[in-house]
Amino acid sequence: MLTGKLKNEQIKDSEKGHASTYSGRYFRESVPKYEIPENGMPSNAAYQLIHDELSIDANPALNLSSFVTTWMEPEAEKLIMENLNVNFIDSDMYPQSQIIHERCVNMIARLFNSPENCDTIGTATLGSSEAVMLAGLAHKWKWRARQIAAGKSHDRPNLVCGADVQVCWDKFARYFDVDMRIIPMEKDCYVLKTEKAAEVIDENTILVVGVLGTTFTGQSDPLKELNDLLISIKEENGWDIPLHIDGASGAFVVPFVEPELLWDFRLSQVKSINASGHKYGLVYPGIGWLLFRDRSDFPNELVFDVNYLGGTMPTFTLNFSRGSAPIIAQYYNFLRLGRKGYTEIMSNLHANTGYLTDQLMKTDNFELVGRKICIPAVTLSLKESITNYTVYDISDRLRERGWIVSAYTLPPNAQDVSVLRIVVREHFSRDMVDILLKDIQKAVSKLEIQQATPRTHRVIKRHHRHC
């Protein structure tokens, strides 16, 4: 068979397969931003365009504002890549993913001290936000069933929490029509006060939320006190109100560094717990976990049996399809690290957090916000004597060096407190802590000099630098 040579103009750009990376027209013309282009481009050109644009984003290793995992071992990443195309919901085709899921739920149930006489159940979620939605729905339905059985109204459900909860609880309350009774913060008290919660709990309370490791200060609500309060309410009024533990940040930390702390299913009114595997579970996003103390704490009406994928599978999620990779990555960590490995990592994080805190307290610039933290995070405010710059100025200065450090105000009634929060994660070594400390000191020194310099002189200096 004879084949003739095609002329260049006969070959579509998308068929050429490869473009010299930075010499083609794809790099001298803007690509469509808001509509699919008429013609495609070679794969390497598309990759390079997107890669270079994303390089503007922050370096995840220097992002100290987030609790989300940004590093995993190469073997874990290999497992993730091998399972990116596996749809977890299709249990008939991928039964081993379901078995691994079951193993993870069992491991976590025992980590959270599920009583031997309890039939603990649980599920993986896309994160703690989905877990919170599902937990709230389950408790709302259980409360409604109790009210109907007692011949009482069931149209005014409420939940009780502190202002230290994450915004996902606000979303749940709004999306699912639940009155959210928030106990405001107070200056020097940034967690839920038990006595304040007692004032607003009634027979329409579907649950009380206790946080293990708040995103605002890293502290924990008084979970044992809240549990005791709910026991006394149950004995006095007959209201069996569950305590849900939002352990998004702390549930994979506390069991390894404070195993004697009572926060989990050892407390009788703790009926459900959520945890973020993609935070201190040390897995890339997104993976969360939701566990119920006993099957009796869960309304079966919320489970859907799906049989049109080849086999019957019960599902309790807000979404349907989801990848198996994060679940497998969580299982990898459990096997790879074991309790000893997790304990060593969490102990390292707490040691670096303590060191960072001690060194910052020696500078005479900061005050520690929140005592007895249970997660590896440092929350600081500027001393009242410092009025010529703010935590936002420090955050901006640190960004010039690549560090991402959150600066924000606390919720009502502590909104006049502005804080700087530094999250310590697995990859954040002692050497990196020392580099950050030097950069904070430099940032503060520059701000002090800048604020002490007359404005006209500062403008001249700034102009001179750009010459």
Protein backbone atom coordinates (compact mmCIF):
# COMPACT_ATOMS: atom_id res chain seq x y z
CA MET A 1 0.00 0.00 0.00
CA LEU A 2 1.37 3.37 -1.01
CA THR A 3 0.78 6.35 1.25
CA GLY A 4 1.37 9.96 0.36
CA LYS A 5 2.70 12.74 2.57
CA LEU A 6 0.08 15.06 3.96
CA LYS A 7 0.61 18.78 3.70
CA ASN A 8 0.98 20.65 6.97
CA GLU A 9 -2.22 22.58 6.43
CA GLN A 10 -4.09 19.28 6.17
CA ILE A 11 -3.05 18.26 9.67
CA LYS A 12 -5.17 19.59 12.53
CA ASP A 13 -3.31 21.11 15.44
CA SER A 14 -4.94 18.61 17.82
CA GLU A 15 -3.62 15.75 15.67
CA LYS A 16 0.00 16.85 15.77
CA GLY A 17 0.26 15.27 19.21
CA HIS A 18 3.14 17.33 20.53
CA ALA A 19 4.15 20.97 20.47
CA SER A 20 7.51 22.47 21.32
CA THR A 21 6.63 23.51 24.83
CA TYR A 22 7.04 27.29 24.74
CA SER A 23 7.39 28.00 21.03
CA GLY A 24 3.90 27.25 19.71
CA ARG A 25 1.03 29.64 19.19
CA TYR A 26 -0.60 28.27 22.34
CA PHE A 27 1.77 30.43 24.37
CA ARG A 28 1.45 33.67 22.40
CA GLU A 29 -2.35 33.70 22.21
CA SER A 30 -4.83 33.66 25.04
CA VAL A 31 -6.84 30.50 25.37
CA PRO A 32 -10.63 30.70 25.81
CA LYS A 33 -11.50 31.21 29.46
CA TYR A 34 -15.27 30.80 29.61
CA GLU A 35 -16.23 28.55 26.72
CA ILE A 36 -14.89 25.30 25.36
CA PRO A 37 -12.50 26.09 22.47
CA GLU A 38 -13.47 25.04 18.96
CA ASN A 39 -10.23 23.11 18.50
CA GLY A 40 -8.06 21.26 20.96
CA MET A 41 -4.29 21.40 21.46
CA PRO A 42 -1.48 18.92 22.05
CA SER A 43 -1.48 17.32 25.49
CA ASN A 44 1.89 18.74 26.55
CA ALA A 45 0.79 22.27 25.66
CA ALA A 46 -2.45 21.93 27.63
CA TYR A 47 -0.52 20.52 30.58
CA GLN A 48 2.11 23.26 30.56
CA LEU A 49 -0.44 26.06 30.31
CA ILE A 50 -2.40 24.79 33.29
CA HIS A 51 0.71 23.82 35.27
CA ASP A 52 2.24 27.26 34.90
CA GLU A 53 -1.00 29.02 35.83
CA LEU A 54 -1.37 26.93 39.00
CA SER A 55 2.21 27.71 40.02
CA ILE A 56 0.91 31.12 41.11
CA ASP A 57 -0.89 29.41 44.01
CA ALA A 58 0.72 28.99 47.41
CA ASN A 59 3.19 26.22 48.15
CA PRO A 60 1.16 23.66 50.15
CA ALA A 61 4.20 22.89 52.32
CA LEU A 62 4.22 26.52 53.51
CA ASN A 63 0.47 26.71 54.06
CA LEU A 64 0.21 26.91 57.84
CA SER A 65 -3.40 28.09 57.78
CA SER A 66 -4.89 24.70 56.95
CA PHE A 67 -5.26 21.45 58.87
CA VAL A 68 -5.52 19.48 55.62
CA THR A 69 -2.77 16.97 54.80
CA THR A 70 -0.33 18.06 52.08
CA TRP A 71 2.22 15.21 52.20
CA MET A 72 2.00 11.45 51.96
CA GLU A 73 4.56 8.75 51.33
CA PRO A 74 5.32 7.71 47.73
CA GLU A 75 3.82 4.27 48.31
CA ALA A 76 0.56 5.86 49.46
CA GLU A 77 0.54 8.11 46.41
CA LYS A 78 1.12 5.06 44.22
CA LEU A 79 -1.92 3.32 45.72
CA ILE A 80 -3.97 6.49 45.20
CA MET A 81 -2.97 6.70 41.54
CA GLU A 82 -3.73 3.00 41.02
CA ASN A 83 -7.25 3.48 42.37
CA LEU A 84 -8.23 6.89 40.98
CA ASN A 85 -10.58 5.22 38.53
CA VAL A 86 -12.36 3.03 41.10
CA ASN A 87 -15.91 4.10 41.99
CA PHE A 88 -16.48 3.12 45.60
CA ILE A 89 -20.26 2.87 45.23
CA ASP A 90 -19.94 -0.02 42.76
CA SER A 91 -19.50 -2.77 45.33
CA ASP A 92 -20.28 -5.60 42.94
CA MET A 93 -17.35 -4.68 40.71
CA TYR A 94 -14.99 -3.56 43.49
CA PRO A 95 -15.83 -5.69 46.53
CA GLN A 96 -12.36 -5.44 48.05
CA SER A 97 -12.76 -1.66 48.43
CA GLN A 98 -15.86 -2.36 50.52
CA ILE A 99 -13.95 -4.83 52.66
CA ILE A 100 -11.19 -2.28 53.26
CA HIS A 101 -13.86 0.29 54.19
CA GLU A 102 -15.31 -2.16 56.73
CA ARG A 103 -11.85 -2.71 58.21
CA CYS A 104 -11.28 1.03 58.56
CA VAL A 105 -14.63 1.55 60.32
CA ASN A 106 -13.78 -1.24 62.76
CA MET A 107 -10.32 0.16 63.44
CA ILE A 108 -11.67 3.65 64.05
CA ALA A 109 -14.50 2.33 66.25
CA ARG A 110 -11.97 0.67 68.53
CA LEU A 111 -9.72 3.74 68.43
CA PHE A 112 -12.71 5.73 69.72
CA ASN A 113 -13.32 3.13 72.45
CA SER A 114 -16.55 1.63 71.20
CA PRO A 115 -17.99 -0.48 74.06
CA GLU A 116 -17.88 -4.22 73.47
CA ASN A 117 -21.63 -4.53 73.94
CA CYS A 118 -22.37 -1.89 71.28
CA ASP A 119 -23.04 -2.58 67.62
CA THR A 120 -21.09 0.44 66.36
CA ILE A 121 -21.64 1.39 62.72
CA GLY A 122 -19.99 3.97 60.51
CA THR A 123 -19.25 5.22 57.04
CA ALA A 124 -16.63 7.09 55.08
CA THR A 125 -17.61 10.55 53.83
CA LEU A 126 -16.04 13.15 51.58
CA GLY A 127 -15.01 15.07 54.68
CA SER A 128 -16.29 16.20 58.05
CA SER A 129 -18.81 18.57 56.48
CA GLU A 130 -20.71 15.68 54.90
CA ALA A 131 -20.30 13.69 58.12
CA VAL A 132 -21.84 16.55 60.10
CA MET A 133 -24.82 16.75 57.73
CA LEU A 134 -25.43 13.03 58.03
CA ALA A 135 -25.04 12.98 61.82
CA GLY A 136 -27.42 15.91 62.24
CA LEU A 137 -29.99 14.29 59.95
CA ALA A 138 -29.80 10.99 61.82
CA HIS A 139 -30.33 12.64 65.20
CA LYS A 140 -33.13 14.80 63.83
CA TRP A 141 -34.98 11.73 62.54
CA LYS A 142 -34.47 9.82 65.81
CA TRP A 143 -35.78 12.81 67.78
CA ARG A 144 -38.78 13.15 65.47
CA ALA A 145 -39.63 9.46 65.87
CA ARG A 146 -39.52 9.82 69.67
CA GLN A 147 -41.75 12.88 69.57
CA ILE A 148 -44.29 11.18 67.30
CA ALA A 149 -44.33 8.08 69.51
CA ALA A 150 -45.01 10.29 72.53
CA GLY A 151 -47.73 12.22 70.73
CA LYS A 152 -45.78 15.47 70.87
CA SER A 153 -45.06 18.14 68.28
CA HIS A 154 -42.04 17.63 66.07
CA ASP A 155 -41.91 20.82 64.02
CA ARG A 156 -39.41 22.86 66.06
CA PRO A 157 -36.13 20.92 66.34
CA ASN A 158 -33.06 22.69 67.68
CA LEU A 159 -29.41 21.94 68.30
CA VAL A 160 -27.16 23.48 70.96
CA CYS A 161 -23.53 24.35 70.36
CA GLY A 162 -20.88 26.94 71.10
CA ALA A 163 -19.73 29.67 68.75
CA ASP A 164 -16.54 27.64 68.32
CA VAL A 165 -18.18 25.22 65.86
CA GLN A 166 -17.16 25.17 62.22
CA VAL A 167 -19.43 26.74 59.59
CA CYS A 168 -20.63 23.30 58.43
CA TRP A 169 -22.96 23.25 61.45
CA ASP A 170 -24.52 26.54 60.33
CA LYS A 171 -25.01 24.94 56.92
CA PHE A 172 -26.70 21.89 58.43
CA ALA A 173 -29.08 24.01 60.49
CA ARG A 174 -30.05 26.15 57.51
CA TYR A 175 -30.26 23.37 54.93
CA PHE A 176 -32.32 21.05 57.13
CA ASP A 177 -34.46 23.58 59.00
CA VAL A 178 -33.10 23.23 62.51
CA ASP A 179 -32.95 26.09 65.03
CA MET A 180 -29.30 26.61 65.92
CA ARG A 181 -28.90 27.78 69.52
CA ILE A 182 -25.37 29.15 69.62
CA ILE A 183 -23.73 30.02 72.94
CA PRO A 184 -21.59 33.09 72.21
CA MET A 185 -17.94 33.22 73.14
CA GLU A 186 -16.71 35.38 75.95
CA LYS A 187 -13.37 37.11 76.24
CA ASP A 188 -10.90 34.65 77.77
CA CYS A 189 -13.41 31.79 77.34
CA TYR A 190 -13.51 30.52 73.78
CA VAL A 191 -15.30 27.19 74.26
CA LEU A 192 -18.84 26.12 75.07
CA LYS A 193 -19.84 26.76 78.69
CA THR A 194 -21.81 23.88 80.17
CA GLU A 195 -24.00 26.06 82.36
CA LYS A 196 -24.91 28.26 79.37
CA ALA A 197 -25.84 25.20 77.33
CA ALA A 198 -28.09 23.98 80.15
CA GLU A 199 -30.13 27.19 79.90
CA VAL A 200 -31.23 26.59 76.29
CA ILE A 201 -31.66 22.81 76.14
CA ASP A 202 -35.26 21.59 75.98
CA GLU A 203 -37.26 18.57 74.78
CA ASN A 204 -36.91 19.77 71.18
CA THR A 205 -33.10 19.61 71.29
CA ILE A 206 -32.03 16.97 68.78
CA LEU A 207 -28.38 17.03 69.85
CA VAL A 208 -25.66 18.97 71.63
CA VAL A 209 -22.42 19.51 69.70
CA GLY A 210 -19.09 19.30 71.49
CA VAL A 211 -15.88 20.14 69.63
CA LEU A 212 -12.62 18.28 70.12
CA GLY A 213 -10.07 20.75 68.79
CA THR A 214 -11.72 23.96 67.63
CA THR A 215 -10.54 25.61 64.45
CA PHE A 216 -10.44 28.98 66.23
CA THR A 217 -8.13 28.27 69.18
CA GLY A 218 -7.32 24.55 69.14
CA GLN A 219 -9.07 23.95 72.46
CA SER A 220 -11.69 21.38 73.37
CA ASP A 221 -15.18 21.94 74.72
CA PRO A 222 -15.77 20.50 78.23
CA LEU A 223 -16.98 17.17 76.83
CA LYS A 224 -17.09 15.24 80.12
CA GLU A 225 -19.10 18.06 81.72
CA LEU A 226 -21.50 18.18 78.78
CA ASN A 227 -21.99 14.43 79.00
CA ASP A 228 -22.74 14.66 82.73
CA LEU A 229 -25.20 17.48 82.06
CA LEU A 230 -27.09 15.37 79.52
CA ILE A 231 -27.18 12.41 81.90
CA SER A 232 -28.75 14.58 84.60
CA ILE A 233 -31.27 16.01 82.13
CA LYS A 234 -32.18 12.48 81.06
CA GLU A 235 -32.70 11.42 84.68
CA GLU A 236 -34.73 14.51 85.60
CA ASN A 237 -36.82 15.06 82.46
CA GLY A 238 -36.58 11.87 80.47
CA TRP A 239 -35.02 13.69 77.48
CA ASP A 240 -32.44 11.37 75.92
CA ILE A 241 -30.38 14.02 74.13
CA PRO A 242 -27.31 12.77 72.27
CA LEU A 243 -23.90 14.40 72.45
CA HIS A 244 -22.18 14.54 69.09
CA ILE A 245 -18.40 14.98 69.08
CA ASP A 246 -17.05 17.05 66.22
CA GLY A 247 -13.57 15.57 66.16
CA ALA A 248 -12.66 16.86 62.70
CA SER A 249 -9.29 18.14 63.93
CA GLY A 250 -8.77 16.29 67.19
CA ALA A 251 -10.12 12.76 66.83
CA PHE A 252 -6.94 11.44 65.20
CA VAL A 253 -4.69 13.34 67.63
CA VAL A 254 -6.03 12.92 71.17
CA PRO A 255 -6.22 9.08 71.20
CA PHE A 256 -2.46 8.95 70.63
CA VAL A 257 -1.21 11.72 72.92
CA GLU A 258 -3.89 11.81 75.63
CA PRO A 259 -5.37 8.29 75.65
CA GLU A 260 -6.82 8.75 79.16
CA LEU A 261 -8.86 11.83 78.21
CA LEU A 262 -12.58 11.04 78.27
CA TRP A 263 -14.12 12.42 75.11
CA ASP A 264 -15.30 9.45 73.02
CA PHE A 265 -17.71 6.51 73.30
CA ARG A 266 -16.58 5.95 76.88
CA LEU A 267 -19.01 8.79 77.65
CA SER A 268 -22.49 7.30 77.63
CA GLN A 269 -24.30 10.18 75.92
CA VAL A 270 -21.79 10.36 73.07
CA LYS A 271 -23.86 8.81 70.31
CA SER A 272 -21.85 9.87 67.25
CA ILE A 273 -18.39 11.13 66.30
CA ASN A 274 -17.04 12.62 63.10
CA ALA A 275 -13.37 12.79 62.18
CA SER A 276 -11.39 14.10 59.22
CA GLY A 277 -9.07 11.52 57.73
CA HIS A 278 -7.63 14.27 55.55
CA LYS A 279 -6.51 16.25 58.57
CA TYR A 280 -4.57 14.42 61.26
CA GLY A 281 -5.64 11.08 59.80
CA LEU A 282 -2.77 12.07 57.45
CA VAL A 283 -4.58 11.39 54.15
CA TYR A 284 -4.95 13.72 51.17
CA PRO A 285 -8.45 15.24 50.78
CA GLY A 286 -11.15 14.27 50.76
CA ILE A 287 -11.93 11.67 53.37
CA GLY A 288 -13.99 11.90 56.54
CA TRP A 289 -15.51 9.37 58.90
CA LEU A 290 -18.78 9.22 60.81
CA LEU A 291 -19.45 6.64 63.51
CA PHE A 292 -22.55 5.94 65.57
CA ARG A 293 -22.19 4.41 69.00
CA ASP A 294 -24.80 1.75 68.31
CA ARG A 295 -27.04 0.74 65.45
CA SER A 296 -30.02 1.71 67.63
CA ASP A 297 -28.80 5.35 67.55
CA PHE A 298 -29.28 5.41 63.80
CA PRO A 299 -32.59 5.62 61.84
CA ASN A 300 -32.72 2.86 59.25
CA GLU A 301 -35.06 4.99 57.12
CA LEU A 302 -32.05 7.02 55.96
CA VAL A 303 -30.38 4.00 54.37
CA PHE A 304 -30.99 3.32 50.68
CA ASP A 305 -30.46 -0.13 49.20
CA VAL A 306 -29.11 0.25 45.69
CA ASN A 307 -29.27 -2.77 43.38
CA TYR A 308 -28.87 -1.41 39.84
CA LEU A 309 -25.07 -1.65 39.72
CA GLY A 310 -25.06 -5.43 39.75
CA GLY A 311 -25.33 -6.06 43.47
CA THR A 312 -27.25 -4.72 46.44
CA MET A 313 -25.48 -2.14 48.59
CA PRO A 314 -26.82 -0.05 51.49
CA THR A 315 -25.77 3.59 51.16
CA PHE A 316 -25.94 6.47 53.63
CA THR A 317 -24.34 9.48 51.96
CA LEU A 318 -25.37 12.84 50.55
CA ASN A 319 -23.60 12.04 47.29
CA PHE A 320 -23.54 8.79 45.29
CA SER A 321 -20.39 8.16 43.29
CA ARG A 322 -17.06 8.71 45.02
CA GLY A 323 -13.51 7.45 44.63
CA SER A 324 -12.10 4.55 46.61
CA ALA A 325 -8.59 6.02 46.64
CA PRO A 326 -8.86 8.10 49.86
CA ILE A 327 -10.33 5.14 51.77
CA ILE A 328 -7.50 2.90 50.59
CA ALA A 329 -4.99 5.60 51.52
CA GLN A 330 -6.47 5.74 55.04
CA TYR A 331 -6.10 1.97 55.33
CA TYR A 332 -2.51 2.27 54.14
CA ASN A 333 -1.75 4.72 56.96
CA PHE A 334 -3.33 2.46 59.57
CA LEU A 335 -1.21 -0.48 58.43
CA ARG A 336 1.93 1.52 57.75
CA LEU A 337 2.00 3.54 60.96
CA GLY A 338 0.07 1.53 63.50
CA ARG A 339 -0.68 3.04 66.88
CA LYS A 340 3.01 3.48 67.59
CA GLY A 341 3.65 5.38 64.39
CA TYR A 342 0.67 7.70 64.88
CA THR A 343 1.75 8.29 68.48
CA GLU A 344 5.27 9.24 67.39
CA ILE A 345 4.00 11.64 64.73
CA MET A 346 1.45 13.31 66.99
CA SER A 347 4.03 13.58 69.78
CA ASN A 348 6.43 15.26 67.35
CA LEU A 349 3.72 17.71 66.31
CA HIS A 350 2.92 18.61 69.91
CA ALA A 351 6.62 19.01 70.70
CA ASN A 352 7.11 21.39 67.77
CA THR A 353 3.93 23.24 68.72
CA GLY A 354 5.21 23.69 72.27
CA TYR A 355 8.61 24.85 71.04
CA LEU A 356 7.04 27.33 68.61
CA THR A 357 4.78 28.66 71.37
CA ASP A 358 7.62 29.07 73.87
CA GLN A 359 9.81 30.92 71.40
CA LEU A 360 7.01 33.28 70.34
CA MET A 361 6.16 34.05 73.96
CA LYS A 362 9.76 35.22 74.49
CA THR A 363 9.42 37.97 71.88
CA ASP A 364 7.19 40.24 74.02
CA ASN A 365 4.95 40.81 71.01
CA PHE A 366 2.32 38.10 71.44
CA GLU A 367 -0.16 36.65 73.87
CA LEU A 368 -1.41 33.08 73.70
CA VAL A 369 -5.13 32.77 72.93
CA GLY A 370 -6.67 29.69 74.47
CA ARG A 371 -5.08 27.38 77.01
CA LYS A 372 -4.86 23.58 77.10
CA ILE A 373 -5.01 23.06 73.36
CA CYS A 374 -5.59 19.50 72.18
CA ILE A 375 -4.43 19.82 68.58
CA PRO A 376 -1.10 21.02 67.12
CA ALA A 377 -1.90 24.67 66.55
CA VAL A 378 -0.79 27.98 68.03
CA THR A 379 -3.25 30.87 68.23
CA LEU A 380 -1.84 34.28 69.10
CA SER A 381 -2.95 37.85 69.54
CA LEU A 382 -0.80 40.95 69.77
CA LYS A 383 -0.27 42.46 73.18
CA GLU A 384 -2.54 45.40 73.93
CA SER A 385 0.48 47.73 74.04
CA ILE A 386 1.06 47.15 70.31
CA THR A 387 -1.18 49.46 68.33
CA ASN A 388 0.84 50.50 65.29
CA TYR A 389 0.41 47.23 63.37
CA THR A 390 -1.94 44.24 63.41
CA VAL A 391 -1.90 40.47 63.01
CA TYR A 392 -3.11 41.08 59.45
CA ASP A 393 0.05 43.09 58.74
CA ILE A 394 2.18 40.22 60.05
CA SER A 395 0.25 37.73 57.93
CA ASP A 396 0.82 39.90 54.84
CA ARG A 397 4.54 40.17 55.57
CA LEU A 398 4.87 36.42 56.00
CA ARG A 399 3.13 35.86 52.68
CA GLU A 400 5.98 37.75 51.01
CA ARG A 401 8.22 34.90 52.16
CA GLY A 402 5.73 32.27 50.97
CA TRP A 403 4.19 31.45 54.38
CA ILE A 404 0.39 31.29 54.56
CA VAL A 405 -0.71 32.07 58.11
CA SER A 406 -4.34 32.79 58.97
CA ALA A 407 -5.35 36.06 60.58
CA TYR A 408 -8.97 36.53 61.66
CA THR A 409 -11.29 37.76 64.38
CA LEU A 410 -13.03 35.43 66.82
CA PRO A 411 -16.83 34.93 66.70
CA PRO A 412 -19.29 36.94 68.83
CA ASN A 413 -18.94 38.01 71.60
CA ALA A 414 -15.17 37.94 71.24
CA GLN A 415 -15.05 39.59 67.82
CA ASP A 416 -12.76 42.33 69.11
CA VAL A 417 -9.98 39.74 69.48
CA SER A 418 -7.87 39.44 66.33
CA VAL A 419 -5.65 36.39 66.15
CA LEU A 420 -2.89 34.77 64.15
CA ARG A 421 -3.13 30.95 63.90
CA ILE A 422 -0.27 28.65 62.96
CA VAL A 423 -1.12 25.00 62.22
CA VAL A 424 1.65 22.44 62.75
CA ARG A 425 1.47 19.45 60.41
CA GLU A 426 3.55 16.33 59.81
CA HIS A 427 6.04 17.83 57.34
CA PHE A 428 6.71 20.91 59.53
CA SER A 429 10.10 20.03 61.02
CA ARG A 430 11.96 21.78 63.85
CA ASP A 431 14.24 23.40 61.26
CA MET A 432 11.19 24.77 59.45
CA VAL A 433 9.87 26.07 62.78
CA ASP A 434 13.14 27.95 63.31
CA ILE A 435 12.93 29.45 59.81
CA LEU A 436 9.37 30.59 60.47
CA LEU A 437 10.39 32.12 63.81
CA LYS A 438 13.13 34.14 62.12
CA ASP A 439 10.72 35.30 59.43
CA ILE A 440 8.16 36.35 62.07
CA GLN A 441 10.85 38.31 63.91
CA LYS A 442 11.94 39.98 60.66
CA ALA A 443 8.34 40.81 59.79
CA VAL A 444 7.72 42.38 63.19
CA SER A 445 10.99 44.34 63.04
CA LYS A 446 10.16 45.72 59.60
CA LEU A 447 6.66 46.68 60.72
CA GLU A 448 8.01 48.45 63.77
CA ILE A 449 10.54 50.37 61.65
CA GLN A 450 7.95 51.15 58.99
CA GLN A 451 5.44 52.47 61.50
CA ALA A 452 8.10 54.54 63.22
CA THR A 453 9.25 56.11 59.93
CA PRO A 454 7.50 59.28 58.68
CA ARG A 455 5.17 58.49 55.81
CA THR A 456 6.84 60.83 53.30
CA HIS A 457 10.20 59.18 53.93
CA ARG A 458 8.65 55.73 53.47
CA VAL A 459 7.24 56.77 50.09
CA ILE A 460 10.67 57.99 48.94
CA LYS A 461 12.31 54.73 49.99
CA ARG A 462 9.65 52.67 48.26
CA HIS A 463 10.09 54.69 45.05
CA HIS A 464 13.87 54.28 45.25
CA ARG A 465 13.60 50.50 45.51
CA HIS A 466 11.72 50.33 42.24
CA CYS A 467 14.23 52.43 40.35
